[in-house]
Amino acid sequence: MSILAWIIVTSLFGGTLSVLFAAALTLNTRTSWVQMLISYAIGALLGAAFLNALPEALELSKDPAQMTATVLFGILLFFILEKLVLWRHCHAEECEVHDPVHAATIVAIPPTPIANAMDQHDHGRSGIMIMLGDTFHNFVDGILIAAAFMADVQLGIVTSIAIIAHEIPQEAGDFLILLNSGYTRKQALLFNLLSSVATLLGGMATYFMLQDMNHLIPSLLGVAAASMIYVAMSDLIPGLHRRPEIGATIQQVALITLGISSIWLAGSLFAHPA
């Protein structure tokens, strides 16, 4: 299968699968499953970043120091993007954003855990914000998927797995926010499916742009690694600390380890023969 075909299939399949799975979880109120998926997603993201994206970027780059600086820049970039989303949503001290719990429900770049959205009452504004942010986030996912596949098919598959894993809890949180904003279940599903098309658009745009700019692939892989690290460490892991009991902690560690292991296994299965 050609690189373009891989990008199209994984972008469409990954986006549709994550939305439908998230809808099934949300509409059946299986919140415990979503909590488990968040822990697994953390492991998948960290595994994809440290076991695949970063090693590939360092191998393609002629300057390791420049590549690590790119990762550092990427982390700062995603921090700034997150701040801009919060700033755009609220200019007043009394607004919902200044409640640290509610703030996490409207940040769409990077993804948000469902736990942060469960008990919040929305006043009608978060729905549009979450869709705009989610569409941009999906477009960025498409860029990362395309860059990974153009570097190596195995890396593209592993990156796609990690992105799908973290998209499911994000989409579940988006569903809850849209329902709280007054949208029907059918509208929430339709809006999320339309938003997921941005993944394909980002992948296609990157594929055709990078045909003559292959030198940018290592930098994009560095930014991809930064995105995965930032999402896992900044947005997903803090939510796990709300369940400090020993049983929950053991479950979280086990699922994070499972996420890392599955990425390592996928990388081994799809590795090119020597």
Protein backbone atom coordinates (compact mmCIF):
# COMPACT_ATOMS: atom_id res chain seq x y z
CA MET A 1 0.00 0.00 0.00
CA SER A 2 1.33 3.46 -0.89
CA ILE A 3 2.21 6.10 1.71
CA LEU A 4 -0.72 8.27 0.59
CA ALA A 5 -3.11 5.33 0.95
CA TRP A 6 -1.81 4.66 4.47
CA ILE A 7 -2.39 8.29 5.41
CA ILE A 8 -5.93 8.35 3.99
CA VAL A 9 -6.99 5.04 5.55
CA THR A 10 -5.57 5.72 9.01
CA SER A 11 -6.89 9.30 9.09
CA LEU A 12 -10.44 8.29 8.10
CA PHE A 13 -10.54 5.05 10.07
CA GLY A 14 -8.90 6.51 13.16
CA GLY A 15 -11.14 9.58 13.29
CA THR A 16 -14.37 7.66 12.69
CA LEU A 17 -13.46 4.85 15.08
CA SER A 18 -12.54 7.18 17.92
CA VAL A 19 -15.74 9.24 17.54
CA LEU A 20 -18.05 6.21 17.37
CA PHE A 21 -16.32 4.46 20.26
CA ALA A 22 -16.43 7.64 22.35
CA ALA A 23 -20.13 8.09 21.52
CA ALA A 24 -20.88 4.51 22.60
CA LEU A 25 -19.05 5.02 25.88
CA THR A 26 -20.61 8.41 26.58
CA LEU A 27 -24.19 7.63 25.66
CA ASN A 28 -24.07 4.45 27.70
CA THR A 29 -22.43 6.36 30.60
CA ARG A 30 -19.60 3.86 30.94
CA THR A 31 -17.34 6.40 32.63
CA SER A 32 -15.20 3.73 34.28
CA TRP A 33 -14.17 2.52 30.83
CA VAL A 34 -13.18 6.02 29.81
CA GLN A 35 -11.06 6.41 32.94
CA MET A 36 -9.26 3.19 32.01
CA LEU A 37 -8.77 4.45 28.45
CA ILE A 38 -7.17 7.64 29.77
CA SER A 39 -4.55 5.63 31.66
CA TYR A 40 -3.91 3.46 28.60
CA ALA A 41 -3.69 6.55 26.39
CA ILE A 42 -0.99 8.04 28.63
CA GLY A 43 1.15 4.94 28.14
CA ALA A 44 0.48 4.87 24.40
CA LEU A 45 1.44 8.53 24.00
CA LEU A 46 4.63 8.27 26.06
CA GLY A 47 5.58 5.01 24.36
CA ALA A 48 5.06 6.45 20.88
CA ALA A 49 7.04 9.57 21.78
CA PHE A 50 10.04 7.97 23.48
CA LEU A 51 10.23 4.59 21.74
CA ASN A 52 9.40 5.64 18.18
CA ALA A 53 9.03 9.33 17.25
CA LEU A 54 12.09 10.63 19.09
CA PRO A 55 14.49 7.84 18.02
CA GLU A 56 13.34 8.22 14.40
CA ALA A 57 13.72 12.01 14.54
CA LEU A 58 17.20 11.73 16.05
CA GLU A 59 18.19 9.17 13.41
CA LEU A 60 17.03 11.40 10.55
CA SER A 61 18.48 14.58 12.04
CA LYS A 62 22.15 15.43 11.63
CA ASP A 63 22.12 17.53 14.80
CA PRO A 64 20.79 15.81 17.96
CA ALA A 65 21.07 19.01 19.98
CA GLN A 66 18.91 20.86 17.47
CA MET A 67 16.34 18.05 17.59
CA THR A 68 16.06 18.11 21.38
CA ALA A 69 15.70 21.89 21.15
CA THR A 70 12.84 21.34 18.67
CA VAL A 71 11.10 19.07 21.19
CA LEU A 72 11.55 21.70 23.89
CA PHE A 73 10.16 24.38 21.54
CA GLY A 74 7.19 22.12 20.75
CA ILE A 75 6.32 21.69 24.42
CA LEU A 76 6.42 25.46 24.91
CA LEU A 77 4.34 25.94 21.75
CA PHE A 78 1.56 23.65 22.98
CA PHE A 79 1.59 25.40 26.36
CA ILE A 80 1.07 28.74 24.59
CA LEU A 81 -1.72 27.32 22.40
CA GLU A 82 -3.48 26.01 25.48
CA LYS A 83 -3.19 29.42 27.13
CA LEU A 84 -4.58 31.13 24.04
CA VAL A 85 -7.65 28.89 24.08
CA LEU A 86 -8.27 29.77 27.73
CA TRP A 87 -7.67 33.48 27.11
CA ARG A 88 -10.01 33.54 24.13
CA HIS A 89 -12.76 31.84 26.11
CA CYS A 90 -12.72 34.16 29.08
CA HIS A 91 -11.54 37.66 29.93
CA ALA A 92 -13.18 38.00 33.36
CA GLU A 93 -11.89 36.83 36.73
CA GLU A 94 -15.29 35.39 37.65
CA CYS A 95 -15.66 33.32 34.49
CA GLU A 96 -15.86 29.51 34.59
CA VAL A 97 -12.33 29.19 33.16
CA HIS A 98 -10.84 30.40 36.42
CA ASP A 99 -12.27 27.36 38.14
CA PRO A 100 -9.40 24.89 37.63
CA VAL A 101 -11.81 21.97 37.23
CA HIS A 102 -13.98 23.70 34.65
CA ALA A 103 -10.95 25.04 32.81
CA ALA A 104 -9.95 21.55 31.76
CA THR A 105 -13.32 20.94 30.14
CA ILE A 106 -12.87 23.67 27.51
CA VAL A 107 -9.25 23.09 26.54
CA ALA A 108 -9.29 21.24 23.25
CA ILE A 109 -5.60 21.57 22.45
CA PRO A 110 -4.44 19.14 23.74
CA PRO A 111 -7.31 16.71 24.56
CA THR A 112 -9.35 16.72 27.77
CA PRO A 113 -10.29 13.83 30.05
CA ILE A 114 -13.98 12.99 30.43
CA ALA A 115 -13.67 13.16 34.20
CA ASN A 116 -13.30 16.92 34.06
CA ALA A 117 -16.58 17.35 32.22
CA MET A 118 -18.88 15.01 34.09
CA ASP A 119 -20.28 17.31 36.77
CA GLN A 120 -20.11 20.67 35.05
CA HIS A 121 -23.12 22.74 34.02
CA ASP A 122 -22.48 24.49 30.74
CA HIS A 123 -24.01 27.86 29.89
CA GLY A 124 -24.04 27.39 26.12
CA ARG A 125 -20.63 28.78 25.20
CA SER A 126 -18.33 25.80 25.57
CA GLY A 127 -19.87 23.77 22.74
CA ILE A 128 -18.67 25.98 19.89
CA MET A 129 -15.28 26.56 21.52
CA ILE A 130 -14.68 22.85 22.00
CA MET A 131 -15.56 22.11 18.36
CA LEU A 132 -13.29 24.84 17.00
CA GLY A 133 -10.44 23.70 19.19
CA ASP A 134 -11.07 20.02 18.43
CA THR A 135 -11.10 20.67 14.68
CA PHE A 136 -7.72 22.40 14.90
CA HIS A 137 -6.41 19.60 17.10
CA ASN A 138 -7.58 16.97 14.58
CA PHE A 139 -5.88 18.91 11.77
CA VAL A 140 -2.62 18.83 13.75
CA ASP A 141 -3.09 15.09 14.31
CA GLY A 142 -3.32 14.65 10.54
CA ILE A 143 -0.05 16.55 10.11
CA LEU A 144 1.68 14.32 12.67
CA ILE A 145 0.31 11.11 11.11
CA ALA A 146 1.43 12.13 7.62
CA ALA A 147 4.90 13.17 8.79
CA ALA A 148 5.30 9.86 10.63
CA PHE A 149 4.26 7.77 7.61
CA MET A 150 6.55 9.76 5.31
CA ALA A 151 9.45 8.98 7.62
CA ASP A 152 8.62 5.29 8.04
CA VAL A 153 5.48 3.14 7.67
CA GLN A 154 6.07 1.40 11.01
CA LEU A 155 6.37 4.78 12.75
CA GLY A 156 3.18 5.92 11.04
CA ILE A 157 1.24 2.90 12.30
CA VAL A 158 2.51 3.31 15.86
CA THR A 159 1.78 7.05 15.82
CA SER A 160 -1.74 6.39 14.54
CA ILE A 161 -2.38 3.89 17.35
CA ALA A 162 -1.27 6.43 19.96
CA ILE A 163 -3.40 9.18 18.44
CA ILE A 164 -6.52 6.97 18.29
CA ALA A 165 -5.94 5.94 21.92
CA HIS A 166 -5.94 9.52 23.19
CA GLU A 167 -8.72 10.66 20.82
CA ILE A 168 -11.31 8.35 22.42
CA PRO A 169 -11.35 9.95 25.90
CA GLN A 170 -11.08 13.40 24.29
CA GLU A 171 -14.08 12.80 22.04
CA ALA A 172 -16.05 11.41 25.00
CA GLY A 173 -15.41 14.65 26.88
CA ASP A 174 -16.45 16.64 23.81
CA PHE A 175 -19.74 14.73 23.65
CA LEU A 176 -20.55 15.64 27.24
CA ILE A 177 -19.75 19.30 26.69
CA LEU A 178 -21.91 19.47 23.54
CA LEU A 179 -24.82 17.78 25.34
CA ASN A 180 -24.46 20.20 28.24
CA SER A 181 -24.48 23.06 25.72
CA GLY A 182 -27.94 22.05 24.52
CA TYR A 183 -27.12 19.95 21.45
CA THR A 184 -28.98 16.71 20.81
CA ARG A 185 -27.17 13.38 20.72
CA LYS A 186 -27.53 13.24 16.94
CA GLN A 187 -26.09 16.75 16.56
CA ALA A 188 -23.19 15.97 18.91
CA LEU A 189 -22.33 12.85 16.91
CA LEU A 190 -22.56 14.70 13.58
CA PHE A 191 -20.40 17.62 14.76
CA ASN A 192 -17.73 15.27 16.09
CA LEU A 193 -17.69 13.27 12.86
CA LEU A 194 -17.36 16.45 10.79
CA SER A 195 -14.58 17.67 13.06
CA SER A 196 -12.71 14.37 12.59
CA VAL A 197 -12.49 15.04 8.83
CA ALA A 198 -9.87 17.68 9.68
CA THR A 199 -7.46 14.82 10.40
CA LEU A 200 -7.65 13.73 6.77
CA LEU A 201 -7.27 17.32 5.54
CA GLY A 202 -4.18 17.83 7.69
CA GLY A 203 -2.68 14.54 6.49
CA MET A 204 -3.32 15.25 2.81
CA ALA A 205 -2.00 18.81 3.01
CA THR A 206 1.16 17.63 4.74
CA TYR A 207 1.74 14.79 2.28
CA PHE A 208 1.67 17.06 -0.76
CA MET A 209 3.60 19.88 0.91
CA LEU A 210 6.37 17.62 2.18
CA GLN A 211 6.99 16.00 -1.21
CA ASP A 212 9.51 18.74 -1.93
CA MET A 213 10.44 19.53 1.69
CA ASN A 214 11.64 16.23 3.11
CA HIS A 215 14.12 18.09 5.29
CA LEU A 216 11.20 19.22 7.47
CA ILE A 217 10.19 15.67 8.42
CA PRO A 218 12.65 15.33 11.38
CA SER A 219 11.42 18.65 12.84
CA LEU A 220 7.78 17.60 12.47
CA LEU A 221 8.57 14.32 14.21
CA GLY A 222 10.16 16.32 17.03
CA VAL A 223 7.01 18.44 17.32
CA ALA A 224 4.92 15.25 17.24
CA ALA A 225 6.93 13.85 20.15
CA ALA A 226 6.52 17.15 22.03
CA SER A 227 2.75 17.04 21.46
CA MET A 228 2.47 13.50 22.83
CA ILE A 229 4.64 14.27 25.86
CA TYR A 230 2.76 17.50 26.64
CA VAL A 231 -0.68 15.91 26.33
CA ALA A 232 0.24 12.97 28.55
CA MET A 233 2.09 14.93 31.23
CA SER A 234 0.08 18.16 31.33
CA ASP A 235 -3.51 17.21 30.55
CA LEU A 236 -4.00 13.52 31.24
CA ILE A 237 -1.78 12.58 34.19
CA PRO A 238 -3.10 15.35 36.53
CA GLY A 239 -6.58 13.87 36.19
CA LEU A 240 -5.32 10.52 37.50
CA HIS A 241 -4.18 12.17 40.74
CA ARG A 242 -7.83 12.75 41.65
CA ARG A 243 -7.98 9.05 42.49
CA PRO A 244 -5.10 8.62 44.96
CA GLU A 245 -6.34 5.38 46.55
CA ILE A 246 -3.97 2.43 46.25
CA GLY A 247 -6.31 0.28 44.16
CA ALA A 248 -6.83 3.01 41.57
CA THR A 249 -3.10 3.76 41.51
CA ILE A 250 -2.20 0.13 40.83
CA GLN A 251 -4.78 0.02 38.03
CA GLN A 252 -3.46 3.25 36.52
CA VAL A 253 0.17 2.07 36.59
CA ALA A 254 -0.82 -1.27 35.06
CA LEU A 255 -2.76 0.40 32.23
CA ILE A 256 0.00 2.94 31.54
CA THR A 257 2.47 0.04 31.34
CA LEU A 258 0.06 -1.78 29.03
CA GLY A 259 -0.11 1.30 26.78
CA ILE A 260 3.68 1.51 26.58
CA SER A 261 3.95 -2.24 25.98
CA SER A 262 1.38 -2.20 23.19
CA ILE A 263 3.31 0.53 21.38
CA TRP A 264 6.55 -1.41 21.78
CA LEU A 265 4.82 -4.56 20.50
CA ALA A 266 3.28 -2.72 17.54
CA GLY A 267 6.69 -1.28 16.68
CA SER A 268 8.22 -4.77 16.81
CA LEU A 269 5.48 -6.37 14.71
CA PHE A 270 5.61 -3.75 11.99
CA ALA A 271 9.38 -3.27 12.01
CA HIS A 272 11.14 -3.76 8.69
CA PRO A 273 13.17 -6.97 8.46
CA ALA A 274 16.90 -6.42 8.64
